[in-house]
PDB file of N, CA and C in Angstrom:
ATOM      1  N   MET A   1      82.308 124.700   7.640  1.00  0.00           N
ATOM      2  CA  MET A   1      81.165 123.853   7.365  1.00  0.00           C
ATOM      3  C   MET A   1      81.596 122.402   7.485  1.00  0.00           C
ATOM      4  N   ASN A   2      80.790 121.603   8.119  1.00  0.00           N
ATOM      5  CA  ASN A   2      81.065 120.185   8.301  1.00  0.00           C
ATOM      6  C   ASN A   2      80.464 119.412   7.125  1.00  0.00           C
ATOM      7  N   PRO A   3      81.316 118.860   6.228  1.00  0.00           N
ATOM      8  CA  PRO A   3      80.787 118.149   5.057  1.00  0.00           C
ATOM      9  C   PRO A   3      79.919 116.949   5.418  1.00  0.00           C
ATOM     10  N   THR A   4      80.260 116.254   6.486  1.00  0.00           N
ATOM     11  CA  THR A   4      79.470 115.092   6.883  1.00  0.00           C
ATOM     12  C   THR A   4      78.065 115.515   7.283  1.00  0.00           C
ATOM     13  N   ALA A   5      77.954 116.573   8.052  1.00  0.00           N
ATOM     14  CA  ALA A   5      76.637 117.069   8.463  1.00  0.00           C
ATOM     15  C   ALA A   5      75.851 117.544   7.247  1.00  0.00           C
ATOM     16  N   ASN A   6      76.531 118.187   6.308  1.00  0.00           N
ATOM     17  CA  ASN A   6      75.887 118.656   5.089  1.00  0.00           C
ATOM     18  C   ASN A   6      75.335 117.471   4.308  1.00  0.00           C
ATOM     19  N   ASN A   7      76.139 116.422   4.122  1.00  0.00           N
ATOM     20  CA  ASN A   7      75.692 115.241   3.384  1.00  0.00           C
ATOM     21  C   ASN A   7      74.550 114.541   4.099  1.00  0.00           C
ATOM     22  N   THR A   8      74.642 114.444   5.411  1.00  0.00           N
ATOM     23  CA  THR A   8      73.591 113.808   6.192  1.00  0.00           C
ATOM     24  C   THR A   8      72.288 114.582   6.049  1.00  0.00           C
ATOM     25  N   ALA A   9      72.362 115.898   6.119  1.00  0.00           N
ATOM     26  CA  ALA A   9      71.168 116.726   5.972  1.00  0.00           C
ATOM     27  C   ALA A   9      70.588 116.580   4.573  1.00  0.00           C
ATOM     28  N   PHE A  10      71.447 116.570   3.568  1.00  0.00           N
ATOM     29  CA  PHE A  10      70.985 116.407   2.189  1.00  0.00           C
ATOM     30  C   PHE A  10      70.280 115.069   2.031  1.00  0.00           C
ATOM     31  N   ASP A  11      70.903 114.010   2.531  1.00  0.00           N
ATOM     32  CA  ASP A  11      70.298 112.677   2.442  1.00  0.00           C
ATOM     33  C   ASP A  11      68.962 112.634   3.167  1.00  0.00           C
ATOM     34  N   ARG A  12      68.930 113.192   4.339  1.00  0.00           N
ATOM     35  CA  ARG A  12      67.693 113.176   5.137  1.00  0.00           C
ATOM     36  C   ARG A  12      66.575 113.925   4.422  1.00  0.00           C
ATOM     37  N   ALA A  13      66.923 114.991   3.721  1.00  0.00           N
ATOM     38  CA  ALA A  13      65.917 115.786   3.021  1.00  0.00           C
ATOM     39  C   ALA A  13      65.475 115.148   1.704  1.00  0.00           C
ATOM     40  N   THR A  14      66.373 114.433   1.038  1.00  0.00           N
ATOM     41  CA  THR A  14      66.046 113.907  -0.290  1.00  0.00           C
ATOM     42  C   THR A  14      65.624 112.440  -0.294  1.00  0.00           C
ATOM     43  N   ASP A  15      66.069 111.648   0.643  1.00  0.00           N
ATOM     44  CA  ASP A  15      65.740 110.221   0.633  1.00  0.00           C
ATOM     45  C   ASP A  15      64.235 109.948   0.614  1.00  0.00           C
ATOM     46  N   PRO A  16      63.426 110.658   1.420  1.00  0.00           N
ATOM     47  CA  PRO A  16      61.989 110.385   1.361  1.00  0.00           C
ATOM     48  C   PRO A  16      61.384 110.662  -0.024  1.00  0.00           C
ATOM     49  N   LEU A  17      61.849 111.706  -0.667  1.00  0.00           N
ATOM     50  CA  LEU A  17      61.347 112.024  -2.001  1.00  0.00           C
ATOM     51  C   LEU A  17      61.756 110.953  -3.006  1.00  0.00           C
ATOM     52  N   LEU A  18      63.015 110.555  -2.946  1.00  0.00           N
ATOM     53  CA  LEU A  18      63.503 109.571  -3.904  1.00  0.00           C
ATOM     54  C   LEU A  18      62.932 108.186  -3.654  1.00  0.00           C
ATOM     55  N   SER A  19      62.476 107.929  -2.443  1.00  0.00           N
ATOM     56  CA  SER A  19      61.921 106.614  -2.140  1.00  0.00           C
ATOM     57  C   SER A  19      60.573 106.379  -2.821  1.00  0.00           C
ATOM     58  N   ILE A  20      59.945 107.421  -3.334  1.00  0.00           N
ATOM     59  CA  ILE A  20      58.658 107.243  -4.005  1.00  0.00           C
ATOM     60  C   ILE A  20      58.812 106.889  -5.486  1.00  0.00           C
ATOM     61  N   LEU A  21      60.046 106.849  -5.954  1.00  0.00           N
ATOM     62  CA  LEU A  21      60.279 106.486  -7.351  1.00  0.00           C
ATOM     63  C   LEU A  21      60.013 105.003  -7.573  1.00  0.00           C
ATOM     64  N   SER A  22      59.419 104.707  -8.693  1.00  0.00           N
ATOM     65  CA  SER A  22      59.269 103.303  -9.081  1.00  0.00           C
ATOM     66  C   SER A  22      60.618 102.817  -9.604  1.00  0.00           C
ATOM     67  N   PRO A  23      60.829 101.511  -9.687  1.00  0.00           N
ATOM     68  CA  PRO A  23      62.084 101.011 -10.267  1.00  0.00           C
ATOM     69  C   PRO A  23      62.319 101.552 -11.678  1.00  0.00           C
ATOM     70  N   ASP A  24      61.256 101.656 -12.482  1.00  0.00           N
ATOM     71  CA  ASP A  24      61.401 102.191 -13.838  1.00  0.00           C
ATOM     72  C   ASP A  24      61.858 103.647 -13.816  1.00  0.00           C
ATOM     73  N   GLN A  25      61.297 104.440 -12.927  1.00  0.00           N
ATOM     74  CA  GLN A  25      61.698 105.842 -12.822  1.00  0.00           C
ATOM     75  C   GLN A  25      63.149 105.953 -12.362  1.00  0.00           C
ATOM     76  N   ALA A  26      63.540 105.118 -11.424  1.00  0.00           N
ATOM     77  CA  ALA A  26      64.929 105.135 -10.949  1.00  0.00           C
ATOM     78  C   ALA A  26      65.873 104.793 -12.097  1.00  0.00           C
ATOM     79  N   HIS A  27      65.517 103.811 -12.918  1.00  0.00           N
ATOM     80  CA  HIS A  27      66.366 103.450 -14.059  1.00  0.00           C
ATOM     81  C   HIS A  27      66.436 104.574 -15.085  1.00  0.00           C
ATOM     82  N   ARG A  28      65.350 105.299 -15.254  1.00  0.00           N
ATOM     83  CA  ARG A  28      65.368 106.423 -16.193  1.00  0.00           C
ATOM     84  C   ARG A  28      66.303 107.521 -15.704  1.00  0.00           C
ATOM     85  N   ILE A  29      66.343 107.743 -14.396  1.00  0.00           N
ATOM     86  CA  ILE A  29      67.270 108.731 -13.840  1.00  0.00           C
ATOM     87  C   ILE A  29      68.712 108.253 -14.031  1.00  0.00           C
ATOM     88  N   ILE A  30      68.964 106.986 -13.744  1.00  0.00           N
ATOM     89  CA  ILE A  30      70.307 106.426 -13.891  1.00  0.00           C
ATOM     90  C   ILE A  30      70.798 106.560 -15.329  1.00  0.00           C
ATOM     91  N   ASP A  31      69.913 106.334 -16.284  1.00  0.00           N
ATOM     92  CA  ASP A  31      70.285 106.347 -17.702  1.00  0.00           C
ATOM     93  C   ASP A  31      70.254 107.730 -18.342  1.00  0.00           C
ATOM     94  N   PHE A  32      69.875 108.759 -17.587  1.00  0.00           N
ATOM     95  CA  PHE A  32      69.753 110.099 -18.155  1.00  0.00           C
ATOM     96  C   PHE A  32      71.108 110.650 -18.591  1.00  0.00           C
ATOM     97  N   HIS A  33      71.120 111.228 -19.782  1.00  0.00           N
ATOM     98  CA  HIS A  33      72.285 111.954 -20.309  1.00  0.00           C
ATOM     99  C   HIS A  33      71.776 113.183 -21.046  1.00  0.00           C
ATOM    100  N   ALA A  34      72.550 114.228 -21.029  1.00  0.00           N
ATOM    101  CA  ALA A  34      72.187 115.429 -21.781  1.00  0.00           C
ATOM    102  C   ALA A  34      72.162 115.099 -23.264  1.00  0.00           C
ATOM    103  N   ASP A  35      71.312 115.815 -23.992  1.00  0.00           N
ATOM    104  CA  ASP A  35      71.255 115.583 -25.427  1.00  0.00           C
ATOM    105  C   ASP A  35      72.526 116.130 -26.090  1.00  0.00           C
ATOM    106  N   ALA A  36      72.726 115.763 -27.330  1.00  0.00           N
ATOM    107  CA  ALA A  36      73.962 116.114 -28.049  1.00  0.00           C
ATOM    108  C   ALA A  36      74.158 117.627 -28.136  1.00  0.00           C
ATOM    109  N   GLU A  37      73.082 118.366 -28.342  1.00  0.00           N
ATOM    110  CA  GLU A  37      73.185 119.827 -28.448  1.00  0.00           C
ATOM    111  C   GLU A  37      73.686 120.436 -27.141  1.00  0.00           C
ATOM    112  N   MET A  38      73.146 119.964 -26.014  1.00  0.00           N
ATOM    113  CA  MET A  38      73.575 120.481 -24.717  1.00  0.00           C
ATOM    114  C   MET A  38      75.020 120.084 -24.433  1.00  0.00           C
ATOM    115  N   GLN A  39      75.374 118.846 -24.726  1.00  0.00           N
ATOM    116  CA  GLN A  39      76.755 118.404 -24.520  1.00  0.00           C
ATOM    117  C   GLN A  39      77.728 119.247 -25.333  1.00  0.00           C
ATOM    118  N   ALA A  40      77.355 119.552 -26.572  1.00  0.00           N
ATOM    119  CA  ALA A  40      78.218 120.374 -27.420  1.00  0.00           C
ATOM    120  C   ALA A  40      78.382 121.770 -26.834  1.00  0.00           C
ATOM    121  N   ARG A  41      77.290 122.336 -26.330  1.00  0.00           N
ATOM    122  CA  ARG A  41      77.355 123.673 -25.743  1.00  0.00           C
ATOM    123  C   ARG A  41      78.254 123.671 -24.503  1.00  0.00           C
ATOM    124  N   ILE A  42      78.128 122.662 -23.685  1.00  0.00           N
ATOM    125  CA  ILE A  42      78.962 122.575 -22.483  1.00  0.00           C
ATOM    126  C   ILE A  42      80.433 122.447 -22.866  1.00  0.00           C
ATOM    127  N   GLU A  43      80.726 121.677 -23.894  1.00  0.00           N
ATOM    128  CA  GLU A  43      82.111 121.537 -24.364  1.00  0.00           C
ATOM    129  C   GLU A  43      82.673 122.866 -24.844  1.00  0.00           C
ATOM    130  N   VAL A  44      81.861 123.641 -25.553  1.00  0.00           N
ATOM    131  CA  VAL A  44      82.299 124.964 -26.013  1.00  0.00           C
ATOM    132  C   VAL A  44      82.612 125.847 -24.809  1.00  0.00           C
ATOM    133  N   LEU A  45      81.700 125.856 -23.850  1.00  0.00           N
ATOM    134  CA  LEU A  45      81.912 126.683 -22.657  1.00  0.00           C
ATOM    135  C   LEU A  45      83.119 126.208 -21.854  1.00  0.00           C
ATOM    136  N   ALA A  46      83.311 124.898 -21.750  1.00  0.00           N
ATOM    137  CA  ALA A  46      84.468 124.362 -21.023  1.00  0.00           C
ATOM    138  C   ALA A  46      85.762 124.799 -21.685  1.00  0.00           C
ATOM    139  N   HIS A  47      85.804 124.727 -23.011  1.00  0.00           N
ATOM    140  CA  HIS A  47      87.009 125.153 -23.736  1.00  0.00           C
ATOM    141  C   HIS A  47      87.280 126.637 -23.489  1.00  0.00           C
ATOM    142  N   LYS A  48      86.241 127.450 -23.604  1.00  0.00           N
ATOM    143  CA  LYS A  48      86.414 128.883 -23.365  1.00  0.00           C
ATOM    144  C   LYS A  48      86.838 129.156 -21.918  1.00  0.00           C
ATOM    145  N   ALA A  49      86.301 128.377 -20.975  1.00  0.00           N
ATOM    146  CA  ALA A  49      86.681 128.553 -19.564  1.00  0.00           C
ATOM    147  C   ALA A  49      88.158 128.230 -19.375  1.00  0.00           C
ATOM    148  N   ASN A  50      88.609 127.150 -19.997  1.00  0.00           N
ATOM    149  CA  ASN A  50      90.021 126.767 -19.884  1.00  0.00           C
ATOM    150  C   ASN A  50      90.946 127.805 -20.494  1.00  0.00           C
ATOM    151  N   GLU A  51      90.454 128.510 -21.494  1.00  0.00           N
ATOM    152  CA  GLU A  51      91.246 129.552 -22.155  1.00  0.00           C
ATOM    153  C   GLU A  51      91.065 130.920 -21.498  1.00  0.00           C
ATOM    154  N   GLY A  52      90.204 131.005 -20.492  1.00  0.00           N
ATOM    155  CA  GLY A  52      89.940 132.275 -19.819  1.00  0.00           C
ATOM    156  C   GLY A  52      89.165 133.251 -20.684  1.00  0.00           C
ATOM    157  N   GLU A  53      88.308 132.740 -21.553  1.00  0.00           N
ATOM    158  CA  GLU A  53      87.613 133.571 -22.536  1.00  0.00           C
ATOM    159  C   GLU A  53      86.099 133.666 -22.325  1.00  0.00           C
ATOM    160  N   LEU A  54      85.597 133.232 -21.185  1.00  0.00           N
ATOM    161  CA  LEU A  54      84.156 133.298 -20.943  1.00  0.00           C
ATOM    162  C   LEU A  54      83.712 134.724 -20.657  1.00  0.00           C
ATOM    163  N   THR A  55      82.569 135.107 -21.230  1.00  0.00           N
ATOM    164  CA  THR A  55      81.939 136.357 -20.828  1.00  0.00           C
ATOM    165  C   THR A  55      81.237 136.098 -19.495  1.00  0.00           C
ATOM    166  N   ASP A  56      80.783 137.155 -18.861  1.00  0.00           N
ATOM    167  CA  ASP A  56      80.048 136.984 -17.599  1.00  0.00           C
ATOM    168  C   ASP A  56      78.798 136.140 -17.804  1.00  0.00           C
ATOM    169  N   GLU A  57      78.102 136.356 -18.906  1.00  0.00           N
ATOM    170  CA  GLU A  57      76.886 135.592 -19.198  1.00  0.00           C
ATOM    171  C   GLU A  57      77.221 134.119 -19.439  1.00  0.00           C
ATOM    172  N   GLU A  58      78.289 133.862 -20.167  1.00  0.00           N
ATOM    173  CA  GLU A  58      78.703 132.475 -20.416  1.00  0.00           C
ATOM    174  C   GLU A  58      79.157 131.795 -19.134  1.00  0.00           C
ATOM    175  N   ARG A  59      79.832 132.536 -18.270  1.00  0.00           N
ATOM    176  CA  ARG A  59      80.282 131.971 -16.996  1.00  0.00           C
ATOM    177  C   ARG A  59      79.072 131.557 -16.157  1.00  0.00           C
ATOM    178  N   ALA A  60      78.060 132.406 -16.115  1.00  0.00           N
ATOM    179  CA  ALA A  60      76.842 132.077 -15.371  1.00  0.00           C
ATOM    180  C   ALA A  60      76.165 130.846 -15.973  1.00  0.00           C
ATOM    181  N   GLU A  61      76.124 130.772 -17.299  1.00  0.00           N
ATOM    182  CA  GLU A  61      75.536 129.609 -17.958  1.00  0.00           C
ATOM    183  C   GLU A  61      76.327 128.343 -17.629  1.00  0.00           C
ATOM    184  N   TYR A  62      77.648 128.431 -17.710  1.00  0.00           N
ATOM    185  CA  TYR A  62      78.519 127.283 -17.440  1.00  0.00           C
ATOM    186  C   TYR A  62      78.365 126.824 -15.991  1.00  0.00           C
ATOM    187  N   GLU A  63      78.304 127.771 -15.069  1.00  0.00           N
ATOM    188  CA  GLU A  63      78.118 127.425 -13.664  1.00  0.00           C
ATOM    189  C   GLU A  63      76.755 126.778 -13.440  1.00  0.00           C
ATOM    190  N   GLY A  64      75.742 127.215 -14.179  1.00  0.00           N
ATOM    191  CA  GLY A  64      74.419 126.590 -14.093  1.00  0.00           C
ATOM    192  C   GLY A  64      74.459 125.142 -14.539  1.00  0.00           C
ATOM    193  N   TYR A  65      75.170 124.881 -15.651  1.00  0.00           N
ATOM    194  CA  TYR A  65      75.320 123.499 -16.104  1.00  0.00           C
ATOM    195  C   TYR A  65      76.087 122.663 -15.083  1.00  0.00           C
ATOM    196  N   ALA A  66      77.112 123.244 -14.488  1.00  0.00           N
ATOM    197  CA  ALA A  66      77.910 122.518 -13.493  1.00  0.00           C
ATOM    198  C   ALA A  66      77.055 122.189 -12.266  1.00  0.00           C
ATOM    199  N   GLN A  67      76.247 123.138 -11.835  1.00  0.00           N
ATOM    200  CA  GLN A  67      75.372 122.907 -10.688  1.00  0.00           C
ATOM    201  C   GLN A  67      74.352 121.817 -11.010  1.00  0.00           C
ATOM    202  N   ALA A  68      73.759 121.873 -12.184  1.00  0.00           N
ATOM    203  CA  ALA A  68      72.795 120.843 -12.597  1.00  0.00           C
ATOM    204  C   ALA A  68      73.472 119.482 -12.676  1.00  0.00           C
ATOM    205  N   ASN A  69      74.699 119.452 -13.186  1.00  0.00           N
ATOM    206  CA  ASN A  69      75.434 118.198 -13.316  1.00  0.00           C
ATOM    207  C   ASN A  69      75.682 117.561 -11.948  1.00  0.00           C
ATOM    208  N   ARG A  70      76.057 118.376 -10.973  1.00  0.00           N
ATOM    209  CA  ARG A  70      76.276 117.849  -9.616  1.00  0.00           C
ATOM    210  C   ARG A  70      74.983 117.275  -9.045  1.00  0.00           C
ATOM    211  N   PHE A  71      73.883 117.985  -9.237  1.00  0.00           N
ATOM    212  CA  PHE A  71      72.593 117.524  -8.729  1.00  0.00           C
ATOM    213  C   PHE A  71      72.178 116.216  -9.406  1.00  0.00           C
ATOM    214  N   ILE A  72      72.317 116.148 -10.713  1.00  0.00           N
ATOM    215  CA  ILE A  72      71.965 114.933 -11.451  1.00  0.00           C
ATOM    216  C   ILE A  72      72.848 113.776 -11.015  1.00  0.00           C
ATOM    217  N   ALA A  73      74.126 114.029 -10.806  1.00  0.00           N
ATOM    218  CA  ALA A  73      75.039 112.963 -10.361  1.00  0.00           C
ATOM    219  C   ALA A  73      74.611 112.405  -9.013  1.00  0.00           C
ATOM    220  N   VAL A  74      74.181 113.279  -8.109  1.00  0.00           N
ATOM    221  CA  VAL A  74      73.706 112.820  -6.800  1.00  0.00           C
ATOM    222  C   VAL A  74      72.441 111.998  -6.964  1.00  0.00           C
ATOM    223  N   LEU A  75      71.508 112.485  -7.772  1.00  0.00           N
ATOM    224  CA  LEU A  75      70.282 111.725  -8.008  1.00  0.00           C
ATOM    225  C   LEU A  75      70.581 110.363  -8.604  1.00  0.00           C
ATOM    226  N   GLN A  76      71.495 110.314  -9.556  1.00  0.00           N
ATOM    227  CA  GLN A  76      71.840 109.041 -10.175  1.00  0.00           C
ATOM    228  C   GLN A  76      72.485 108.091  -9.169  1.00  0.00           C
ATOM    229  N   ALA A  77      73.357 108.602  -8.334  1.00  0.00           N
ATOM    230  CA  ALA A  77      73.991 107.765  -7.311  1.00  0.00           C
ATOM    231  C   ALA A  77      72.948 107.208  -6.346  1.00  0.00           C
ATOM    232  N   LYS A  78      72.013 108.052  -5.936  1.00  0.00           N
ATOM    233  CA  LYS A  78      70.969 107.611  -5.014  1.00  0.00           C
ATOM    234  C   LYS A  78      70.043 106.621  -5.697  1.00  0.00           C
ATOM    235  N   ALA A  79      69.736 106.843  -6.977  1.00  0.00           N
ATOM    236  CA  ALA A  79      68.849 105.930  -7.708  1.00  0.00           C
ATOM    237  C   ALA A  79      69.495 104.562  -7.864  1.00  0.00           C
ATOM    238  N   ARG A  80      70.814 104.519  -7.953  1.00  0.00           N
ATOM    239  CA  ARG A  80      71.506 103.232  -8.069  1.00  0.00           C
ATOM    240  C   ARG A  80      71.350 102.396  -6.799  1.00  0.00           C
ATOM    241  N   ARG A  81      71.205 103.085  -5.675  1.00  0.00           N
ATOM    242  CA  ARG A  81      71.027 102.376  -4.393  1.00  0.00           C
ATOM    243  C   ARG A  81      69.677 101.740  -4.365  1.00  0.00           C
TER     244      ARG A  81
END
């Protein structure tokens, strides 16, 4: 897989959507953080992952948080532009 082509395709698909954000909406995305309860849960799962103690259900949950985190990070980076 060509990472450059992947990034270009992602940008091409998401830039039009993100361009409709108002400056206030873009700032809200930039400032978004998970609430304390979610952060605590992710920390618990991260610790268990590092210790090799995740159940299959916990692993799926942890991977879901990781996937969401990557998506949010991309949105925040684009909103900063």
